[in-house]
């Protein structure tokens, strides 16, 4: 499956919209778009909108951890937004939701 990635600049940073699956084949494409955003000195917050992500494997989780490390070095906050229940479960199982703010689809932070 392919992945479609769009970026929007907002007041204090950026929003990365991802559609499709994040796996071993597509995670590098997401990372290529995400890392420059979280390392930009003028970005205070980078949100990743995951409402249209239907699947994510451990490669995607690893990519998010790498982006989190890069964001901490640059002083940027990484936030995962509109996370579907399926992907939210993956984040809980892996413990990712304990280190990155996760906002469920249509809800408050997990």
C-alpha atoms as a PDB file:
ATOM      1  CA  UNK A   1       0.000   0.000   0.000  1.00  0.00           C
ATOM      2  CA  UNK A   2       1.139   3.494  -0.696  1.00  0.00           C
ATOM      3  CA  UNK A   3       1.189   6.333   1.727  1.00  0.00           C
ATOM      4  CA  UNK A   4       0.114   9.905   1.053  1.00  0.00           C
ATOM      5  CA  UNK A   5       1.679  12.655   3.136  1.00  0.00           C
ATOM      6  CA  UNK A   6       0.638  16.303   3.252  1.00  0.00           C
ATOM      7  CA  UNK A   7       2.031  19.095   5.397  1.00  0.00           C
ATOM      8  CA  UNK A   8       0.358  22.249   6.659  1.00  0.00           C
ATOM      9  CA  UNK A   9       2.080  25.109   8.445  1.00  0.00           C
ATOM     10  CA  UNK A  10       0.258  26.344  11.538  1.00  0.00           C
ATOM     11  CA  UNK A  11       0.943  29.123  14.039  1.00  0.00           C
ATOM     12  CA  UNK A  12       3.608  27.394  16.159  1.00  0.00           C
ATOM     13  CA  UNK A  13       4.726  24.609  13.862  1.00  0.00           C
ATOM     14  CA  UNK A  14       3.373  22.063  11.422  1.00  0.00           C
ATOM     15  CA  UNK A  15       0.816  19.330  10.969  1.00  0.00           C
ATOM     16  CA  UNK A  16       1.758  16.227   9.005  1.00  0.00           C
ATOM     17  CA  UNK A  17      -1.282  14.441   7.545  1.00  0.00           C
ATOM     18  CA  UNK A  18      -0.669  10.778   6.792  1.00  0.00           C
ATOM     19  CA  UNK A  19      -3.019   8.538   4.812  1.00  0.00           C
ATOM     20  CA  UNK A  20      -2.507   4.814   4.225  1.00  0.00           C
ATOM     21  CA  UNK A  21      -0.274   2.291   5.952  1.00  0.00           C
ATOM     22  CA  UNK A  22       2.963   2.928   7.810  1.00  0.00           C
ATOM     23  CA  UNK A  23       5.166  -0.129   7.474  1.00  0.00           C
ATOM     24  CA  UNK A  24       8.696  -1.130   6.454  1.00  0.00           C
ATOM     25  CA  UNK A  25       8.149   0.254   2.949  1.00  0.00           C
ATOM     26  CA  UNK A  26       6.432   3.530   3.788  1.00  0.00           C
ATOM     27  CA  UNK A  27       7.975   4.518   7.144  1.00  0.00           C
ATOM     28  CA  UNK A  28      11.109   5.923   5.430  1.00  0.00           C
ATOM     29  CA  UNK A  29       8.875   8.159   3.279  1.00  0.00           C
ATOM     30  CA  UNK A  30       7.066   9.471   6.351  1.00  0.00           C
ATOM     31  CA  UNK A  31      10.374   9.965   8.152  1.00  0.00           C
ATOM     32  CA  UNK A  32      11.782  11.906   5.197  1.00  0.00           C
ATOM     33  CA  UNK A  33       8.910  14.398   5.540  1.00  0.00           C
ATOM     34  CA  UNK A  34       8.772  14.386   9.351  1.00  0.00           C
ATOM     35  CA  UNK A  35      12.409  14.808  10.416  1.00  0.00           C
ATOM     36  CA  UNK A  36      12.938  18.234   8.796  1.00  0.00           C
ATOM     37  CA  UNK A  37       9.790  19.466  10.552  1.00  0.00           C
ATOM     38  CA  UNK A  38      10.804  18.335  14.054  1.00  0.00           C
ATOM     39  CA  UNK A  39      14.357  19.617  13.667  1.00  0.00           C
ATOM     40  CA  UNK A  40      13.401  23.058  12.341  1.00  0.00           C
ATOM     41  CA  UNK A  41      14.443  25.683  14.845  1.00  0.00           C
ATOM     42  CA  UNK A  42      11.235  27.677  14.351  1.00  0.00           C
ATOM     43  CA  UNK A  43       8.887  24.732  15.056  1.00  0.00           C
ATOM     44  CA  UNK A  44       7.527  24.563  18.578  1.00  0.00           C
ATOM     45  CA  UNK A  45       5.058  21.768  17.845  1.00  0.00           C
ATOM     46  CA  UNK A  46       4.696  19.148  15.138  1.00  0.00           C
ATOM     47  CA  UNK A  47       1.454  17.193  15.087  1.00  0.00           C
ATOM     48  CA  UNK A  48       0.967  14.025  13.097  1.00  0.00           C
ATOM     49  CA  UNK A  49      -2.655  13.491  12.096  1.00  0.00           C
ATOM     50  CA  UNK A  50      -3.202   9.727  11.921  1.00  0.00           C
ATOM     51  CA  UNK A  51      -6.982   9.612  11.320  1.00  0.00           C
ATOM     52  CA  UNK A  52      -6.485   7.979   7.914  1.00  0.00           C
ATOM     53  CA  UNK A  53      -3.745   5.532   8.889  1.00  0.00           C
ATOM     54  CA  UNK A  54      -5.245   2.063   8.645  1.00  0.00           C
ATOM     55  CA  UNK A  55      -2.186   0.071   9.712  1.00  0.00           C
ATOM     56  CA  UNK A  56       1.149   0.607  11.433  1.00  0.00           C
ATOM     57  CA  UNK A  57       3.815  -1.957  12.233  1.00  0.00           C
ATOM     58  CA  UNK A  58       6.903  -1.869  14.447  1.00  0.00           C
ATOM     59  CA  UNK A  59       8.832   0.002  11.753  1.00  0.00           C
ATOM     60  CA  UNK A  60       6.344   2.855  12.079  1.00  0.00           C
ATOM     61  CA  UNK A  61       6.678   2.825  15.865  1.00  0.00           C
ATOM     62  CA  UNK A  62      10.468   2.923  15.526  1.00  0.00           C
ATOM     63  CA  UNK A  63      10.234   5.814  13.087  1.00  0.00           C
ATOM     64  CA  UNK A  64       8.101   7.772  15.584  1.00  0.00           C
ATOM     65  CA  UNK A  65      10.613   7.108  18.379  1.00  0.00           C
ATOM     66  CA  UNK A  66      13.408   8.396  16.122  1.00  0.00           C
ATOM     67  CA  UNK A  67      11.361  11.515  15.369  1.00  0.00           C
ATOM     68  CA  UNK A  68      10.706  11.984  19.093  1.00  0.00           C
ATOM     69  CA  UNK A  69      14.443  11.880  19.839  1.00  0.00           C
ATOM     70  CA  UNK A  70      15.128  14.410  17.082  1.00  0.00           C
ATOM     71  CA  UNK A  71      12.328  16.684  18.316  1.00  0.00           C
ATOM     72  CA  UNK A  72      13.661  16.675  21.876  1.00  0.00           C
ATOM     73  CA  UNK A  73      17.103  17.749  20.631  1.00  0.00           C
ATOM     74  CA  UNK A  74      15.606  20.701  18.785  1.00  0.00           C
ATOM     75  CA  UNK A  75      13.139  21.651  21.546  1.00  0.00           C
ATOM     76  CA  UNK A  76      10.075  20.771  19.478  1.00  0.00           C
ATOM     77  CA  UNK A  77       7.063  18.907  20.871  1.00  0.00           C
ATOM     78  CA  UNK A  78       5.796  15.939  18.857  1.00  0.00           C
ATOM     79  CA  UNK A  79       2.076  15.120  19.185  1.00  0.00           C
ATOM     80  CA  UNK A  80       0.057  12.301  17.626  1.00  0.00           C
ATOM     81  CA  UNK A  81      -3.490  13.420  16.819  1.00  0.00           C
ATOM     82  CA  UNK A  82      -6.731  11.794  15.704  1.00  0.00           C
ATOM     83  CA  UNK A  83      -5.426   8.331  16.463  1.00  0.00           C
ATOM     84  CA  UNK A  84      -7.902   5.570  15.623  1.00  0.00           C
ATOM     85  CA  UNK A  85      -8.671   2.916  18.264  1.00  0.00           C
ATOM     86  CA  UNK A  86      -6.673   0.288  16.348  1.00  0.00           C
ATOM     87  CA  UNK A  87      -3.509   2.396  16.201  1.00  0.00           C
ATOM     88  CA  UNK A  88      -4.100   3.698  19.738  1.00  0.00           C
ATOM     89  CA  UNK A  89      -4.045   0.078  20.966  1.00  0.00           C
ATOM     90  CA  UNK A  90      -0.665  -0.435  19.278  1.00  0.00           C
ATOM     91  CA  UNK A  91       0.677   2.661  21.040  1.00  0.00           C
ATOM     92  CA  UNK A  92      -0.577   1.402  24.416  1.00  0.00           C
ATOM     93  CA  UNK A  93       0.896  -2.089  23.917  1.00  0.00           C
ATOM     94  CA  UNK A  94       4.287  -0.721  22.880  1.00  0.00           C
ATOM     95  CA  UNK A  95       4.309   1.992  25.551  1.00  0.00           C
ATOM     96  CA  UNK A  96       4.590   4.744  22.945  1.00  0.00           C
ATOM     97  CA  UNK A  97       1.561   6.515  24.415  1.00  0.00           C
ATOM     98  CA  UNK A  98       3.547   7.004  27.623  1.00  0.00           C
ATOM     99  CA  UNK A  99       6.295   8.998  25.898  1.00  0.00           C
ATOM    100  CA  UNK A 100       4.451  10.856  23.122  1.00  0.00           C
ATOM    101  CA  UNK A 101       1.168  12.716  23.678  1.00  0.00           C
ATOM    102  CA  UNK A 102      -1.584  10.760  21.912  1.00  0.00           C
ATOM    103  CA  UNK A 103      -4.936  12.369  21.175  1.00  0.00           C
ATOM    104  CA  UNK A 104      -7.564   9.847  20.075  1.00  0.00           C
ATOM    105  CA  UNK A 105      -9.855  10.476  17.150  1.00  0.00           C
ATOM    106  CA  UNK A 106     -12.385  13.053  18.353  1.00  0.00           C
ATOM    107  CA  UNK A 107     -11.190  12.945  21.948  1.00  0.00           C
ATOM    108  CA  UNK A 108      -8.833  14.195  24.571  1.00  0.00           C
ATOM    109  CA  UNK A 109      -5.244  13.198  25.169  1.00  0.00           C
ATOM    110  CA  UNK A 110      -4.722   9.544  26.125  1.00  0.00           C
END
